[in-house]
Amino acid sequence: MKSFRVVITPFAGENIRKSYEWLRVENPVYADEWLRGVRDKMLELKTLPESHALAPESDAFDSEIRQLLFGRGTPWRIFFTIDTDTVHVLHIRHGSRDYWRL
């Protein structure tokens, strides 16, 4: 089975940091669990990233944008692209937010 390298873009890294900071205020017990979970989910993209659906926003971009859902209830959305043998994590946002726009 092919193994992909997972690269987190600076923008996605900032999304993670800000979301974690918000969660530490809103739900400190859950914040560390969320951080571990989102990291583990992104690492799952090492195998079969193509198995995840195209994001509804994909048509607005020049390349295919896929999404990985994470969490219960209204899940977090992890947006990524696949480039040969590398998965680029582009953005992370809560599912209750509007569609991602440039």
N, C-alpha and C. Protein backbone atom coordinates (compact mmCIF):
# COMPACT_ATOMS: atom_id res chain seq x y z
N MET A 1 0.85 -1.19 0.00
CA MET A 1 0.00 0.00 0.00
C MET A 1 0.88 1.24 0.00
N LYS A 2 0.52 2.18 -0.85
CA LYS A 2 1.29 3.42 -0.97
C LYS A 2 1.15 4.25 0.31
N SER A 3 2.26 4.86 0.72
CA SER A 3 2.26 5.73 1.88
C SER A 3 2.54 7.16 1.44
N PHE A 4 1.70 8.07 1.88
CA PHE A 4 1.83 9.49 1.54
C PHE A 4 2.50 10.24 2.68
N ARG A 5 3.18 11.29 2.33
CA ARG A 5 3.74 12.21 3.32
C ARG A 5 2.65 13.24 3.61
N VAL A 6 2.43 13.57 4.87
CA VAL A 6 1.42 14.56 5.26
C VAL A 6 2.12 15.84 5.67
N VAL A 7 1.78 16.94 4.99
CA VAL A 7 2.36 18.25 5.27
C VAL A 7 1.23 19.18 5.72
N ILE A 8 1.42 19.80 6.85
CA ILE A 8 0.44 20.75 7.37
C ILE A 8 0.90 22.15 6.98
N THR A 9 0.09 22.85 6.20
CA THR A 9 0.46 24.20 5.77
C THR A 9 0.45 25.15 6.96
N PRO A 10 1.17 26.26 6.87
CA PRO A 10 1.15 27.23 7.96
C PRO A 10 -0.27 27.71 8.29
N PHE A 11 -1.10 27.90 7.26
CA PHE A 11 -2.48 28.35 7.50
C PHE A 11 -3.24 27.31 8.33
N ALA A 12 -3.12 26.04 7.98
CA ALA A 12 -3.78 24.97 8.74
C ALA A 12 -3.22 24.90 10.16
N GLY A 13 -1.92 25.07 10.30
CA GLY A 13 -1.31 25.07 11.62
C GLY A 13 -1.88 26.18 12.49
N GLU A 14 -2.10 27.34 11.88
CA GLU A 14 -2.70 28.46 12.60
C GLU A 14 -4.16 28.15 12.96
N ASN A 15 -4.87 27.48 12.06
CA ASN A 15 -6.25 27.07 12.37
C ASN A 15 -6.28 26.17 13.59
N ILE A 16 -5.34 25.24 13.65
CA ILE A 16 -5.28 24.30 14.78
C ILE A 16 -4.98 25.06 16.07
N ARG A 17 -4.01 25.96 16.01
CA ARG A 17 -3.62 26.71 17.21
C ARG A 17 -4.80 27.54 17.73
N LYS A 18 -5.46 28.27 16.84
CA LYS A 18 -6.58 29.12 17.26
C LYS A 18 -7.75 28.30 17.78
N SER A 19 -8.03 27.19 17.13
CA SER A 19 -9.14 26.33 17.58
C SER A 19 -8.84 25.74 18.95
N TYR A 20 -7.60 25.32 19.14
CA TYR A 20 -7.20 24.76 20.43
C TYR A 20 -7.31 25.81 21.53
N GLU A 21 -6.85 27.03 21.24
CA GLU A 21 -6.94 28.10 22.24
C GLU A 21 -8.40 28.39 22.59
N TRP A 22 -9.27 28.41 21.59
CA TRP A 22 -10.69 28.63 21.83
C TRP A 22 -11.27 27.51 22.68
N LEU A 23 -10.93 26.27 22.33
CA LEU A 23 -11.43 25.12 23.10
C LEU A 23 -10.93 25.13 24.54
N ARG A 24 -9.71 25.57 24.76
CA ARG A 24 -9.18 25.62 26.14
C ARG A 24 -9.99 26.55 27.01
N VAL A 25 -10.58 27.57 26.41
CA VAL A 25 -11.44 28.48 27.17
C VAL A 25 -12.84 27.90 27.32
N GLU A 26 -13.39 27.38 26.21
CA GLU A 26 -14.77 26.90 26.19
C GLU A 26 -14.95 25.54 26.86
N ASN A 27 -13.99 24.65 26.66
CA ASN A 27 -14.11 23.29 27.17
C ASN A 27 -12.71 22.72 27.44
N PRO A 28 -12.06 23.15 28.52
CA PRO A 28 -10.67 22.77 28.77
C PRO A 28 -10.45 21.27 28.89
N VAL A 29 -11.42 20.54 29.36
CA VAL A 29 -11.27 19.08 29.50
C VAL A 29 -11.16 18.44 28.11
N TYR A 30 -11.90 18.95 27.17
CA TYR A 30 -11.94 18.38 25.83
C TYR A 30 -10.79 18.85 24.94
N ALA A 31 -10.21 20.00 25.24
CA ALA A 31 -9.22 20.63 24.35
C ALA A 31 -8.04 19.71 24.02
N ASP A 32 -7.43 19.10 25.02
CA ASP A 32 -6.28 18.22 24.76
C ASP A 32 -6.69 16.98 23.98
N GLU A 33 -7.87 16.44 24.28
CA GLU A 33 -8.38 15.28 23.54
C GLU A 33 -8.60 15.65 22.07
N TRP A 34 -9.15 16.85 21.85
CA TRP A 34 -9.38 17.32 20.48
C TRP A 34 -8.06 17.45 19.72
N LEU A 35 -7.06 18.02 20.37
CA LEU A 35 -5.76 18.22 19.71
C LEU A 35 -5.14 16.88 19.32
N ARG A 36 -5.17 15.92 20.22
CA ARG A 36 -4.64 14.59 19.89
C ARG A 36 -5.45 13.95 18.76
N GLY A 37 -6.76 14.09 18.84
CA GLY A 37 -7.63 13.49 17.83
C GLY A 37 -7.43 14.08 16.45
N VAL A 38 -7.32 15.40 16.36
CA VAL A 38 -7.13 16.02 15.05
C VAL A 38 -5.76 15.64 14.48
N ARG A 39 -4.76 15.55 15.33
CA ARG A 39 -3.43 15.11 14.87
C ARG A 39 -3.50 13.68 14.34
N ASP A 40 -4.14 12.80 15.09
CA ASP A 40 -4.24 11.40 14.66
C ASP A 40 -5.02 11.28 13.35
N LYS A 41 -6.09 12.07 13.20
CA LYS A 41 -6.87 12.03 11.97
C LYS A 41 -6.03 12.47 10.77
N MET A 42 -5.25 13.53 10.95
CA MET A 42 -4.41 14.00 9.84
C MET A 42 -3.38 12.94 9.47
N LEU A 43 -2.84 12.24 10.47
CA LEU A 43 -1.86 11.20 10.18
C LEU A 43 -2.48 10.01 9.45
N GLU A 44 -3.78 9.80 9.61
CA GLU A 44 -4.47 8.75 8.87
C GLU A 44 -4.42 9.00 7.37
N LEU A 45 -4.19 10.24 6.98
CA LEU A 45 -4.12 10.58 5.56
C LEU A 45 -2.89 10.00 4.88
N LYS A 46 -2.01 9.38 5.65
CA LYS A 46 -0.83 8.71 5.06
C LYS A 46 -1.25 7.57 4.16
N THR A 47 -2.40 7.00 4.43
CA THR A 47 -2.90 5.88 3.62
C THR A 47 -4.30 6.21 3.09
N LEU A 48 -4.51 5.96 1.86
CA LEU A 48 -5.79 6.09 1.17
C LEU A 48 -6.46 7.47 1.31
N PRO A 49 -5.73 8.54 1.10
CA PRO A 49 -6.38 9.85 1.20
C PRO A 49 -7.45 10.05 0.12
N GLU A 50 -7.32 9.32 -0.99
CA GLU A 50 -8.30 9.43 -2.07
C GLU A 50 -9.67 8.90 -1.67
N SER A 51 -9.74 8.16 -0.57
CA SER A 51 -11.01 7.58 -0.14
C SER A 51 -11.95 8.61 0.48
N HIS A 52 -11.44 9.80 0.74
CA HIS A 52 -12.27 10.85 1.33
C HIS A 52 -12.93 11.68 0.23
N ALA A 53 -14.14 12.12 0.51
CA ALA A 53 -14.95 12.83 -0.49
C ALA A 53 -14.37 14.19 -0.85
N LEU A 54 -14.72 14.63 -2.04
CA LEU A 54 -14.41 16.01 -2.42
C LEU A 54 -15.23 16.94 -1.53
N ALA A 55 -14.63 18.04 -1.13
CA ALA A 55 -15.35 19.04 -0.34
C ALA A 55 -16.33 19.77 -1.27
N PRO A 56 -17.49 20.17 -0.75
CA PRO A 56 -18.42 20.93 -1.59
C PRO A 56 -17.78 22.18 -2.18
N GLU A 57 -16.80 22.75 -1.50
CA GLU A 57 -16.11 23.96 -1.97
C GLU A 57 -15.13 23.69 -3.10
N SER A 58 -14.86 22.45 -3.41
CA SER A 58 -13.80 22.10 -4.36
C SER A 58 -13.94 22.80 -5.70
N ASP A 59 -15.17 22.99 -6.16
CA ASP A 59 -15.39 23.64 -7.46
C ASP A 59 -14.86 25.07 -7.51
N ALA A 60 -14.73 25.72 -6.38
CA ALA A 60 -14.28 27.11 -6.34
C ALA A 60 -12.76 27.23 -6.41
N PHE A 61 -12.06 26.11 -6.43
CA PHE A 61 -10.60 26.12 -6.41
C PHE A 61 -10.04 25.53 -7.70
N ASP A 62 -8.77 25.77 -7.95
CA ASP A 62 -8.11 25.27 -9.16
C ASP A 62 -7.72 23.81 -9.05
N SER A 63 -7.67 23.27 -7.84
CA SER A 63 -7.32 21.86 -7.66
C SER A 63 -8.38 21.18 -6.81
N GLU A 64 -8.37 19.85 -6.84
CA GLU A 64 -9.33 19.07 -6.05
C GLU A 64 -9.09 19.28 -4.57
N ILE A 65 -10.11 19.69 -3.86
CA ILE A 65 -10.03 19.84 -2.41
C ILE A 65 -10.89 18.74 -1.80
N ARG A 66 -10.28 17.93 -0.98
CA ARG A 66 -11.00 16.85 -0.30
C ARG A 66 -11.18 17.24 1.16
N GLN A 67 -12.08 16.52 1.83
CA GLN A 67 -12.29 16.80 3.24
C GLN A 67 -12.33 15.51 4.04
N LEU A 68 -11.79 15.60 5.22
CA LEU A 68 -11.82 14.53 6.21
C LEU A 68 -12.60 15.07 7.38
N LEU A 69 -13.63 14.35 7.81
CA LEU A 69 -14.46 14.79 8.92
C LEU A 69 -13.94 14.19 10.22
N PHE A 70 -13.99 15.00 11.28
CA PHE A 70 -13.46 14.59 12.57
C PHE A 70 -14.39 15.07 13.68
N GLY A 71 -14.76 14.16 14.57
CA GLY A 71 -15.56 14.53 15.73
C GLY A 71 -17.00 14.08 15.62
N ARG A 72 -17.68 14.18 16.74
CA ARG A 72 -19.09 13.78 16.82
C ARG A 72 -19.99 14.99 16.60
N GLY A 73 -21.27 14.70 16.40
CA GLY A 73 -22.23 15.78 16.21
C GLY A 73 -21.92 16.52 14.91
N THR A 74 -21.68 17.79 15.01
CA THR A 74 -21.25 18.58 13.86
C THR A 74 -19.73 18.49 13.81
N PRO A 75 -19.21 17.72 12.85
CA PRO A 75 -17.77 17.46 12.85
C PRO A 75 -16.93 18.62 12.35
N TRP A 76 -15.67 18.57 12.73
CA TRP A 76 -14.66 19.47 12.18
C TRP A 76 -14.35 18.98 10.77
N ARG A 77 -13.97 19.89 9.90
CA ARG A 77 -13.64 19.55 8.52
C ARG A 77 -12.16 19.84 8.29
N ILE A 78 -11.45 18.84 7.85
CA ILE A 78 -10.03 18.96 7.54
C ILE A 78 -9.91 18.94 6.01
N PHE A 79 -9.53 20.06 5.43
CA PHE A 79 -9.42 20.18 3.98
C PHE A 79 -7.99 19.86 3.54
N PHE A 80 -7.88 19.12 2.44
CA PHE A 80 -6.55 18.75 1.95
C PHE A 80 -6.55 18.52 0.46
N THR A 81 -5.35 18.57 -0.12
CA THR A 81 -5.14 18.20 -1.52
C THR A 81 -4.12 17.07 -1.56
N ILE A 82 -4.11 16.38 -2.67
CA ILE A 82 -3.15 15.29 -2.87
C ILE A 82 -2.29 15.65 -4.07
N ASP A 83 -0.97 15.63 -3.87
CA ASP A 83 -0.02 15.96 -4.93
C ASP A 83 1.00 14.83 -5.02
N THR A 84 0.82 13.95 -5.97
CA THR A 84 1.68 12.79 -6.20
C THR A 84 1.77 11.92 -4.94
N ASP A 85 2.79 12.14 -4.10
CA ASP A 85 2.96 11.31 -2.90
C ASP A 85 2.86 12.13 -1.61
N THR A 86 2.29 13.35 -1.73
CA THR A 86 2.18 14.23 -0.57
C THR A 86 0.74 14.69 -0.40
N VAL A 87 0.27 14.66 0.84
CA VAL A 87 -1.02 15.22 1.20
C VAL A 87 -0.74 16.56 1.88
N HIS A 88 -1.35 17.62 1.37
CA HIS A 88 -1.19 18.95 1.94
C HIS A 88 -2.47 19.31 2.70
N VAL A 89 -2.37 19.41 4.02
CA VAL A 89 -3.51 19.83 4.83
C VAL A 89 -3.57 21.35 4.72
N LEU A 90 -4.69 21.85 4.20
CA LEU A 90 -4.82 23.27 3.86
C LEU A 90 -5.53 24.10 4.92
N HIS A 91 -6.55 23.50 5.53
CA HIS A 91 -7.43 24.30 6.39
C HIS A 91 -8.23 23.36 7.29
N ILE A 92 -8.53 23.84 8.49
CA ILE A 92 -9.36 23.08 9.43
C ILE A 92 -10.39 24.06 9.98
N ARG A 93 -11.66 23.66 9.93
CA ARG A 93 -12.71 24.53 10.45
C ARG A 93 -13.86 23.69 10.99
N HIS A 94 -14.59 24.25 11.91
CA HIS A 94 -15.72 23.54 12.49
C HIS A 94 -16.84 23.46 11.45
N GLY A 95 -17.54 22.35 11.45
CA GLY A 95 -18.59 22.12 10.46
C GLY A 95 -19.76 23.07 10.54
N SER A 96 -19.94 23.76 11.64
CA SER A 96 -21.06 24.70 11.76
C SER A 96 -20.77 26.03 11.06
N ARG A 97 -19.53 26.24 10.66
CA ARG A 97 -19.19 27.48 9.97
C ARG A 97 -19.61 27.40 8.50
N ASP A 98 -19.79 28.56 7.86
CA ASP A 98 -20.16 28.61 6.45
C ASP A 98 -19.08 27.93 5.61
N TYR A 99 -19.44 27.69 4.36
CA TYR A 99 -18.47 27.11 3.43
C TYR A 99 -17.22 27.95 3.37
N TRP A 100 -16.12 27.28 3.09
CA TRP A 100 -14.82 27.94 3.00
C TRP A 100 -14.75 28.69 1.68
N ARG A 101 -14.37 29.96 1.77
CA ARG A 101 -14.20 30.80 0.58
C ARG A 101 -12.83 31.45 0.62
N LEU A 102 -12.32 31.74 -0.53
CA LEU A 102 -11.03 32.45 -0.62
C LEU A 102 -11.19 33.90 -0.22
